[in-house]
Amino acid sequence: MRQWMRSLLFALTASALPAIGQELVVAVTSSSVPFAYINAQGELTGFNVDLGRAVCELLKRPCRIEAMPFPQIIPSVSAGRADFGLGNVLKTPERERQVAFSIPIWRSTSSFVGPAGTRLSTPAGAIREKTVCVVEGGAQQVYLRALGAPAPQLLPKATNQAVLESLQRGECAMVLLPTMQALPFLQSAAGKPYAFVGAPMANDGLGGTVHVVVRPDQPELLGGVNEAIQTLTRNGTHEKISRRYFPFSIL
C-alpha cells in the first residue's frame, strides 16, 4: 500500500513539473527587418529569431519559431498559444497585466522618417499638418492618438514593412517607427531619398527597454529565460548576434 502511494505521489509530482524536452513555441514579428524577416533564401531570420533560438538552446528545449503580426504576439503569449515572444515589446502597465516580462534585451527609441529635407516643428504639429503611418497597435500609434491625432491623419498598417512601403507610395508624408527598425531601410538603396526627421524620442512610451514576453502562468520559464539572457550577455553571444544585424551595440 505504501509503495503504491509513493508511486502515485511521484506520478502527480512529475506531472506538475515542466517537461524538459517539450517543444517551446516562440512568437516573433512576421515582417520587421532586421529583427525578423524572410531573407532572399526564403528563410525566417533576424536578431529576434537568432536570440530566441539561443535562449531555447540554453534552456535545452526544442523551439518552433512562429511568425505573426505584432498585434498578435501579446494575446498569443497571454493565452498560452506561444510560450514566449520577441516582438520588440516595451513594458507598460496594461501589458504587464497580460504577460510576464524578462530582463531587458535591448534599448529603443522612436523616430519620424520622411523625405530628406522634411522639417518637423513638433510631433503635435506634424500630425496636424501631415499624414503619418504607424504600426497598428504599437506604442507610436498610442502616442500620436494621445496627442489628439485626427483619424484621417493617422494611418495604421500591419507591419513595419507595410509602413515603409506606404511611405514610398506616397500614402503618408512621414512615418513614426522604432529607430532601430527604420535604420536598415535608410541604409538601403530604396531608403536613399529619405532621412530621420527630428531627434529620436524615448519618452511617453516611445522608447525604453525592450523585453521578451513570457506566459504569465509559467514563472519557472520566465526564470529560465532571464538566466539565459544573462548568460548570453556575459559570454558575448548577445553582442555577437546583434552585430550580425546592427553596426553598433544595442544593449
C-alpha atoms as a PDB file:
ATOM      1  CA  MET A   1       0.000   0.000   0.000  1.00  0.00           C
ATOM      2  CA  ARG A   2       2.769   2.423   0.950  1.00  0.00           C
ATOM      3  CA  GLN A   3       4.644   1.538  -2.247  1.00  0.00           C
ATOM      4  CA  TRP A   4       1.512   2.302  -4.276  1.00  0.00           C
ATOM      5  CA  MET A   5       1.091   5.656  -2.504  1.00  0.00           C
ATOM      6  CA  ARG A   6       4.728   6.571  -3.163  1.00  0.00           C
ATOM      7  CA  SER A   7       4.310   5.721  -6.841  1.00  0.00           C
ATOM      8  CA  LEU A   8       1.142   7.814  -7.052  1.00  0.00           C
ATOM      9  CA  LEU A   9       2.810  10.768  -5.309  1.00  0.00           C
ATOM     10  CA  PHE A  10       5.773  10.593  -7.689  1.00  0.00           C
ATOM     11  CA  ALA A  11       3.490  10.492 -10.717  1.00  0.00           C
ATOM     12  CA  LEU A  12       1.488  13.505  -9.530  1.00  0.00           C
ATOM     13  CA  THR A  13       4.633  15.493  -8.755  1.00  0.00           C
ATOM     14  CA  ALA A  14       6.201  14.673 -12.121  1.00  0.00           C
ATOM     15  CA  SER A  15       3.052  15.719 -13.966  1.00  0.00           C
ATOM     16  CA  ALA A  16       3.196  19.147 -12.289  1.00  0.00           C
ATOM     17  CA  LEU A  17       6.738  19.857 -13.456  1.00  0.00           C
ATOM     18  CA  PRO A  18       7.508  21.308 -16.900  1.00  0.00           C
ATOM     19  CA  ALA A  19       8.622  18.758 -19.449  1.00  0.00           C
ATOM     20  CA  ILE A  20      12.324  19.384 -20.052  1.00  0.00           C
ATOM     21  CA  GLY A  21      12.246  18.242 -23.663  1.00  0.00           C
ATOM     22  CA  GLN A  22       8.863  19.732 -24.540  1.00  0.00           C
ATOM     23  CA  GLU A  23       8.841  21.986 -27.586  1.00  0.00           C
ATOM     24  CA  LEU A  24       8.562  25.713 -26.939  1.00  0.00           C
ATOM     25  CA  VAL A  25       6.591  27.925 -29.309  1.00  0.00           C
ATOM     26  CA  VAL A  26       8.384  31.235 -29.820  1.00  0.00           C
ATOM     27  CA  ALA A  27       6.432  34.109 -31.387  1.00  0.00           C
ATOM     28  CA  VAL A  28       8.257  36.733 -33.458  1.00  0.00           C
ATOM     29  CA  THR A  29       7.087  39.588 -35.649  1.00  0.00           C
ATOM     30  CA  SER A  30       6.500  38.461 -39.205  1.00  0.00           C
ATOM     31  CA  SER A  31       7.971  41.400 -41.127  1.00  0.00           C
ATOM     32  CA  SER A  32      10.348  43.603 -39.148  1.00  0.00           C
ATOM     33  CA  VAL A  33      13.778  43.990 -40.748  1.00  0.00           C
ATOM     34  CA  PRO A  34      16.299  43.315 -39.242  1.00  0.00           C
ATOM     35  CA  PHE A  35      14.562  41.719 -36.250  1.00  0.00           C
ATOM     36  CA  ALA A  36      12.519  39.026 -38.003  1.00  0.00           C
ATOM     37  CA  TYR A  37      12.062  38.744 -41.763  1.00  0.00           C
ATOM     38  CA  ILE A  38      12.238  36.376 -44.723  1.00  0.00           C
ATOM     39  CA  ASN A  39      15.653  36.544 -46.421  1.00  0.00           C
ATOM     40  CA  ALA A  40      16.484  36.016 -50.100  1.00  0.00           C
ATOM     41  CA  GLN A  41      16.683  32.259 -49.494  1.00  0.00           C
ATOM     42  CA  GLY A  42      13.133  32.188 -48.150  1.00  0.00           C
ATOM     43  CA  GLU A  43      14.272  31.614 -44.546  1.00  0.00           C
ATOM     44  CA  LEU A  44      12.975  33.369 -41.449  1.00  0.00           C
ATOM     45  CA  THR A  45      15.934  35.192 -39.940  1.00  0.00           C
ATOM     46  CA  GLY A  46      16.842  38.262 -37.892  1.00  0.00           C
ATOM     47  CA  PHE A  47      18.025  39.332 -34.453  1.00  0.00           C
ATOM     48  CA  ASN A  48      14.879  38.164 -32.632  1.00  0.00           C
ATOM     49  CA  VAL A  49      14.951  34.798 -34.387  1.00  0.00           C
ATOM     50  CA  ASP A  50      18.613  34.167 -33.550  1.00  0.00           C
ATOM     51  CA  LEU A  51      18.221  35.335 -29.954  1.00  0.00           C
ATOM     52  CA  GLY A  52      15.123  33.191 -29.452  1.00  0.00           C
ATOM     53  CA  ARG A  53      16.949  30.123 -30.698  1.00  0.00           C
ATOM     54  CA  ALA A  54      19.942  30.885 -28.472  1.00  0.00           C
ATOM     55  CA  VAL A  55      17.629  31.124 -25.444  1.00  0.00           C
ATOM     56  CA  CYS A  56      15.999  27.791 -26.330  1.00  0.00           C
ATOM     57  CA  GLU A  57      19.432  26.178 -26.683  1.00  0.00           C
ATOM     58  CA  LEU A  58      20.409  27.269 -23.167  1.00  0.00           C
ATOM     59  CA  LEU A  59      17.037  26.078 -21.841  1.00  0.00           C
ATOM     60  CA  LYS A  60      17.777  22.726 -23.520  1.00  0.00           C
ATOM     61  CA  ARG A  61      14.371  22.803 -25.138  1.00  0.00           C
ATOM     62  CA  PRO A  62      13.490  22.435 -28.826  1.00  0.00           C
ATOM     63  CA  CYS A  63      11.704  25.501 -30.137  1.00  0.00           C
ATOM     64  CA  ARG A  64       9.381  26.262 -33.021  1.00  0.00           C
ATOM     65  CA  ILE A  65       9.548  29.847 -34.277  1.00  0.00           C
ATOM     66  CA  GLU A  66       6.165  31.196 -35.340  1.00  0.00           C
ATOM     67  CA  ALA A  67       5.972  34.499 -37.237  1.00  0.00           C
ATOM     68  CA  MET A  68       2.888  36.656 -36.746  1.00  0.00           C
ATOM     69  CA  PRO A  69       1.846  40.332 -36.933  1.00  0.00           C
ATOM     70  CA  PHE A  70       2.886  42.437 -33.954  1.00  0.00           C
ATOM     71  CA  PRO A  71      -0.662  42.861 -32.508  1.00  0.00           C
ATOM     72  CA  GLN A  72      -0.996  39.064 -32.170  1.00  0.00           C
ATOM     73  CA  ILE A  73       2.136  38.445 -30.097  1.00  0.00           C
ATOM     74  CA  ILE A  74       0.935  39.502 -26.637  1.00  0.00           C
ATOM     75  CA  PRO A  75      -2.515  37.829 -26.993  1.00  0.00           C
ATOM     76  CA  SER A  76      -0.838  34.614 -28.200  1.00  0.00           C
ATOM     77  CA  VAL A  77       1.600  34.540 -25.271  1.00  0.00           C
ATOM     78  CA  SER A  78      -1.074  35.550 -22.767  1.00  0.00           C
ATOM     79  CA  ALA A  79      -3.354  32.717 -23.916  1.00  0.00           C
ATOM     80  CA  GLY A  80      -0.545  30.151 -23.924  1.00  0.00           C
ATOM     81  CA  ARG A  81      -0.606  29.600 -27.684  1.00  0.00           C
ATOM     82  CA  ALA A  82       3.046  30.729 -27.618  1.00  0.00           C
ATOM     83  CA  ASP A  83       5.421  30.196 -24.696  1.00  0.00           C
ATOM     84  CA  PHE A  84       7.365  33.405 -25.162  1.00  0.00           C
ATOM     85  CA  GLY A  85       7.630  36.140 -27.742  1.00  0.00           C
ATOM     86  CA  LEU A  86      10.209  38.506 -29.179  1.00  0.00           C
ATOM     87  CA  GLY A  87       8.307  41.346 -30.799  1.00  0.00           C
ATOM     88  CA  ASN A  88      10.280  44.407 -29.690  1.00  0.00           C
ATOM     89  CA  VAL A  89       7.806  44.921 -26.864  1.00  0.00           C
ATOM     90  CA  LEU A  90       8.126  47.785 -24.376  1.00  0.00           C
ATOM     91  CA  LYS A  91       6.815  47.272 -20.845  1.00  0.00           C
ATOM     92  CA  THR A  92       3.591  49.068 -19.938  1.00  0.00           C
ATOM     93  CA  PRO A  93       1.180  48.551 -17.011  1.00  0.00           C
ATOM     94  CA  GLU A  94      -1.516  47.320 -19.398  1.00  0.00           C
ATOM     95  CA  ARG A  95       0.796  44.745 -20.962  1.00  0.00           C
ATOM     96  CA  GLU A  96       2.076  43.614 -17.559  1.00  0.00           C
ATOM     97  CA  ARG A  97      -1.485  42.575 -16.727  1.00  0.00           C
ATOM     98  CA  GLN A  98      -1.396  40.180 -19.680  1.00  0.00           C
ATOM     99  CA  VAL A  99       2.127  38.716 -19.831  1.00  0.00           C
ATOM    100  CA  ALA A 100       5.346  38.429 -17.828  1.00  0.00           C
ATOM    101  CA  PHE A 101       8.387  40.462 -18.885  1.00  0.00           C
ATOM    102  CA  SER A 102      12.000  39.313 -18.975  1.00  0.00           C
ATOM    103  CA  ILE A 103      15.009  41.429 -18.117  1.00  0.00           C
ATOM    104  CA  PRO A 104      15.893  43.857 -20.966  1.00  0.00           C
ATOM    105  CA  ILE A 105      17.322  42.534 -24.233  1.00  0.00           C
ATOM    106  CA  TRP A 106      17.950  45.951 -25.862  1.00  0.00           C
ATOM    107  CA  ARG A 107      17.042  49.641 -25.577  1.00  0.00           C
ATOM    108  CA  SER A 108      14.908  51.548 -28.025  1.00  0.00           C
ATOM    109  CA  THR A 109      13.836  54.997 -29.245  1.00  0.00           C
ATOM    110  CA  SER A 110      11.345  56.101 -31.911  1.00  0.00           C
ATOM    111  CA  SER A 111      11.921  58.440 -34.845  1.00  0.00           C
ATOM    112  CA  PHE A 112       9.982  60.130 -37.607  1.00  0.00           C
ATOM    113  CA  VAL A 113      11.162  59.262 -41.119  1.00  0.00           C
ATOM    114  CA  GLY A 114      10.258  61.278 -44.211  1.00  0.00           C
ATOM    115  CA  PRO A 115      11.661  62.629 -47.459  1.00  0.00           C
ATOM    116  CA  ALA A 116      15.127  64.115 -46.948  1.00  0.00           C
ATOM    117  CA  GLY A 117      14.831  67.788 -46.043  1.00  0.00           C
ATOM    118  CA  THR A 118      11.444  67.431 -44.309  1.00  0.00           C
ATOM    119  CA  ARG A 119      11.117  69.840 -41.399  1.00  0.00           C
ATOM    120  CA  LEU A 120       9.437  68.907 -38.124  1.00  0.00           C
ATOM    121  CA  SER A 121       8.124  71.625 -35.797  1.00  0.00           C
ATOM    122  CA  THR A 122       6.716  69.435 -33.025  1.00  0.00           C
ATOM    123  CA  PRO A 123       5.147  65.957 -33.112  1.00  0.00           C
ATOM    124  CA  ALA A 124       1.745  67.511 -32.351  1.00  0.00           C
ATOM    125  CA  GLY A 125       2.241  69.975 -35.179  1.00  0.00           C
ATOM    126  CA  ALA A 126       3.358  67.246 -37.556  1.00  0.00           C
ATOM    127  CA  ILE A 127       0.254  65.151 -37.051  1.00  0.00           C
ATOM    128  CA  ARG A 128      -1.998  68.168 -37.676  1.00  0.00           C
ATOM    129  CA  GLU A 129      -0.186  69.047 -40.888  1.00  0.00           C
ATOM    130  CA  LYS A 130       0.822  65.691 -42.335  1.00  0.00           C
ATOM    131  CA  THR A 131      -0.457  62.150 -42.731  1.00  0.00           C
ATOM    132  CA  VAL A 132       1.644  59.774 -40.619  1.00  0.00           C
ATOM    133  CA  CYS A 133       1.809  55.981 -40.941  1.00  0.00           C
ATOM    134  CA  VAL A 134       2.423  53.771 -37.886  1.00  0.00           C
ATOM    135  CA  VAL A 135       2.257  50.096 -36.959  1.00  0.00           C
ATOM    136  CA  GLU A 136      -1.206  49.176 -35.744  1.00  0.00           C
ATOM    137  CA  GLY A 137      -1.213  48.507 -32.016  1.00  0.00           C
ATOM    138  CA  GLY A 138       2.292  49.879 -31.481  1.00  0.00           C
ATOM    139  CA  ALA A 139       3.500  52.464 -28.982  1.00  0.00           C
ATOM    140  CA  GLN A 140       3.829  55.029 -31.779  1.00  0.00           C
ATOM    141  CA  GLN A 141       0.121  54.807 -32.611  1.00  0.00           C
ATOM    142  CA  VAL A 142      -0.784  55.158 -28.932  1.00  0.00           C
ATOM    143  CA  TYR A 143       1.480  58.208 -28.608  1.00  0.00           C
ATOM    144  CA  LEU A 144       0.060  60.037 -31.622  1.00  0.00           C
ATOM    145  CA  ARG A 145      -3.506  59.290 -30.579  1.00  0.00           C
ATOM    146  CA  ALA A 146      -2.746  60.771 -27.155  1.00  0.00           C
ATOM    147  CA  LEU A 147      -1.576  63.948 -28.922  1.00  0.00           C
ATOM    148  CA  GLY A 148      -5.019  64.205 -30.480  1.00  0.00           C
ATOM    149  CA  ALA A 149      -4.123  62.988 -33.958  1.00  0.00           C
ATOM    150  CA  PRO A 150      -7.148  63.357 -36.283  1.00  0.00           C
ATOM    151  CA  ALA A 151      -8.234  59.925 -37.530  1.00  0.00           C
ATOM    152  CA  PRO A 152      -7.693  60.710 -41.241  1.00  0.00           C
ATOM    153  CA  GLN A 153      -4.134  61.905 -40.484  1.00  0.00           C
ATOM    154  CA  LEU A 154      -3.065  58.681 -38.765  1.00  0.00           C
ATOM    155  CA  LEU A 155      -2.787  55.577 -40.963  1.00  0.00           C
ATOM    156  CA  PRO A 156      -2.137  52.299 -39.081  1.00  0.00           C
ATOM    157  CA  LYS A 157      -0.523  49.443 -41.015  1.00  0.00           C
ATOM    158  CA  ALA A 158       0.009  45.797 -40.104  1.00  0.00           C
ATOM    159  CA  THR A 159       3.828  45.722 -40.123  1.00  0.00           C
ATOM    160  CA  ASN A 160       6.918  47.937 -40.230  1.00  0.00           C
ATOM    161  CA  GLN A 161       7.457  46.872 -43.827  1.00  0.00           C
ATOM    162  CA  ALA A 162       3.925  47.919 -44.744  1.00  0.00           C
ATOM    163  CA  VAL A 163       4.514  51.293 -43.071  1.00  0.00           C
ATOM    164  CA  LEU A 164       7.681  51.909 -45.105  1.00  0.00           C
ATOM    165  CA  GLU A 165       6.047  50.750 -48.334  1.00  0.00           C
ATOM    166  CA  SER A 166       3.210  53.219 -47.700  1.00  0.00           C
ATOM    167  CA  LEU A 167       5.786  55.993 -47.311  1.00  0.00           C
ATOM    168  CA  GLN A 168       7.379  55.036 -50.628  1.00  0.00           C
ATOM    169  CA  ARG A 169       3.985  55.018 -52.377  1.00  0.00           C
ATOM    170  CA  GLY A 170       3.222  58.472 -51.014  1.00  0.00           C
ATOM    171  CA  GLU A 171       0.248  57.353 -48.913  1.00  0.00           C
ATOM    172  CA  CYS A 172       1.743  59.164 -45.930  1.00  0.00           C
ATOM    173  CA  ALA A 173       4.078  62.145 -45.695  1.00  0.00           C
ATOM    174  CA  MET A 174       6.010  60.661 -42.767  1.00  0.00           C
ATOM    175  CA  VAL A 175       6.155  57.540 -40.642  1.00  0.00           C
ATOM    176  CA  LEU A 176       6.874  57.082 -36.950  1.00  0.00           C
ATOM    177  CA  LEU A 177       8.765  53.864 -36.213  1.00  0.00           C
ATOM    178  CA  PRO A 178      11.244  52.423 -33.722  1.00  0.00           C
ATOM    179  CA  THR A 179      14.573  53.958 -34.723  1.00  0.00           C
ATOM    180  CA  MET A 180      16.333  50.604 -34.982  1.00  0.00           C
ATOM    181  CA  GLN A 181      13.718  49.242 -37.342  1.00  0.00           C
ATOM    182  CA  ALA A 182      13.859  52.263 -39.636  1.00  0.00           C
ATOM    183  CA  LEU A 183      17.671  52.247 -39.798  1.00  0.00           C
ATOM    184  CA  PRO A 184      18.094  49.300 -42.244  1.00  0.00           C
ATOM    185  CA  PHE A 185      15.622  50.933 -44.643  1.00  0.00           C
ATOM    186  CA  LEU A 186      17.533  54.230 -44.588  1.00  0.00           C
ATOM    187  CA  GLN A 187      20.768  52.340 -45.243  1.00  0.00           C
ATOM    188  CA  SER A 188      19.294  50.593 -48.284  1.00  0.00           C
ATOM    189  CA  ALA A 189      19.076  51.829 -51.875  1.00  0.00           C
ATOM    190  CA  ALA A 190      15.305  52.260 -51.537  1.00  0.00           C
ATOM    191  CA  GLY A 191      15.825  54.460 -48.488  1.00  0.00           C
ATOM    192  CA  LYS A 192      18.243  56.948 -50.030  1.00  0.00           C
ATOM    193  CA  PRO A 193      15.568  59.617 -50.716  1.00  0.00           C
ATOM    194  CA  TYR A 194      14.519  59.540 -47.043  1.00  0.00           C
ATOM    195  CA  ALA A 195      16.023  60.520 -43.694  1.00  0.00           C
ATOM    196  CA  PHE A 196      15.289  60.739 -39.996  1.00  0.00           C
ATOM    197  CA  VAL A 197      13.180  63.818 -39.260  1.00  0.00           C
ATOM    198  CA  GLY A 198      13.911  65.410 -35.903  1.00  0.00           C
ATOM    199  CA  ALA A 199      15.645  63.798 -32.952  1.00  0.00           C
ATOM    200  CA  PRO A 200      14.963  60.269 -31.621  1.00  0.00           C
ATOM    201  CA  MET A 201      12.343  60.177 -28.860  1.00  0.00           C
ATOM    202  CA  ALA A 202      12.310  57.930 -25.792  1.00  0.00           C
ATOM    203  CA  ASN A 203       9.657  59.481 -23.527  1.00  0.00           C
ATOM    204  CA  ASP A 204       5.897  58.845 -23.416  1.00  0.00           C
ATOM    205  CA  GLY A 205       6.265  55.173 -24.234  1.00  0.00           C
ATOM    206  CA  LEU A 206       8.282  55.777 -27.408  1.00  0.00           C
ATOM    207  CA  GLY A 207      11.461  54.237 -26.052  1.00  0.00           C
ATOM    208  CA  GLY A 208      12.968  52.353 -23.205  1.00  0.00           C
ATOM    209  CA  THR A 209      13.961  48.790 -22.524  1.00  0.00           C
ATOM    210  CA  VAL A 210      12.744  46.010 -24.804  1.00  0.00           C
ATOM    211  CA  HIS A 211      11.859  42.644 -23.301  1.00  0.00           C
ATOM    212  CA  VAL A 212      10.923  39.073 -24.069  1.00  0.00           C
ATOM    213  CA  VAL A 213       7.282  38.453 -23.118  1.00  0.00           C
ATOM    214  CA  VAL A 214       6.577  35.145 -21.368  1.00  0.00           C
ATOM    215  CA  ARG A 215       3.445  33.196 -20.494  1.00  0.00           C
ATOM    216  CA  PRO A 216       2.157  34.522 -17.156  1.00  0.00           C
ATOM    217  CA  ASP A 217       1.369  31.008 -15.908  1.00  0.00           C
ATOM    218  CA  GLN A 218       4.967  29.778 -16.299  1.00  0.00           C
ATOM    219  CA  PRO A 219       7.163  31.515 -13.670  1.00  0.00           C
ATOM    220  CA  GLU A 220       9.802  28.798 -13.999  1.00  0.00           C
ATOM    221  CA  LEU A 221      10.036  29.547 -17.731  1.00  0.00           C
ATOM    222  CA  LEU A 222      10.456  33.269 -17.009  1.00  0.00           C
ATOM    223  CA  GLY A 223      13.299  32.428 -14.618  1.00  0.00           C
ATOM    224  CA  GLY A 224      14.951  30.266 -17.242  1.00  0.00           C
ATOM    225  CA  VAL A 225      14.612  32.931 -19.939  1.00  0.00           C
ATOM    226  CA  ASN A 226      16.139  35.561 -17.626  1.00  0.00           C
ATOM    227  CA  GLU A 227      19.039  33.296 -16.753  1.00  0.00           C
ATOM    228  CA  ALA A 228      19.616  32.534 -20.434  1.00  0.00           C
ATOM    229  CA  ILE A 229      19.662  36.256 -21.344  1.00  0.00           C
ATOM    230  CA  GLN A 230      22.163  36.950 -18.564  1.00  0.00           C
ATOM    231  CA  THR A 231      24.391  34.107 -19.782  1.00  0.00           C
ATOM    232  CA  LEU A 232      24.215  35.257 -23.411  1.00  0.00           C
ATOM    233  CA  THR A 233      25.142  38.789 -22.328  1.00  0.00           C
ATOM    234  CA  ARG A 234      28.035  37.683 -20.110  1.00  0.00           C
ATOM    235  CA  ASN A 235      29.607  35.309 -22.640  1.00  0.00           C
ATOM    236  CA  GLY A 236      29.364  37.774 -25.541  1.00  0.00           C
ATOM    237  CA  THR A 237      26.799  35.825 -27.573  1.00  0.00           C
ATOM    238  CA  HIS A 238      24.211  38.612 -27.344  1.00  0.00           C
ATOM    239  CA  GLU A 239      26.706  41.107 -28.761  1.00  0.00           C
ATOM    240  CA  LYS A 240      27.775  38.659 -31.459  1.00  0.00           C
ATOM    241  CA  ILE A 241      24.168  38.159 -32.559  1.00  0.00           C
ATOM    242  CA  SER A 242      23.413  41.898 -32.558  1.00  0.00           C
ATOM    243  CA  ARG A 243      26.476  42.695 -34.684  1.00  0.00           C
ATOM    244  CA  ARG A 244      25.133  40.426 -37.424  1.00  0.00           C
ATOM    245  CA  TYR A 245      22.373  42.967 -37.952  1.00  0.00           C
ATOM    246  CA  PHE A 246      23.467  46.313 -36.462  1.00  0.00           C
ATOM    247  CA  PRO A 247      26.663  48.385 -36.809  1.00  0.00           C
ATOM    248  CA  PHE A 248      26.691  49.170 -33.072  1.00  0.00           C
ATOM    249  CA  SER A 249      25.812  47.697 -29.692  1.00  0.00           C
ATOM    250  CA  ILE A 250      22.083  47.769 -28.890  1.00  0.00           C
ATOM    251  CA  LEU A 251      22.116  46.776 -25.202  1.00  0.00           C
END
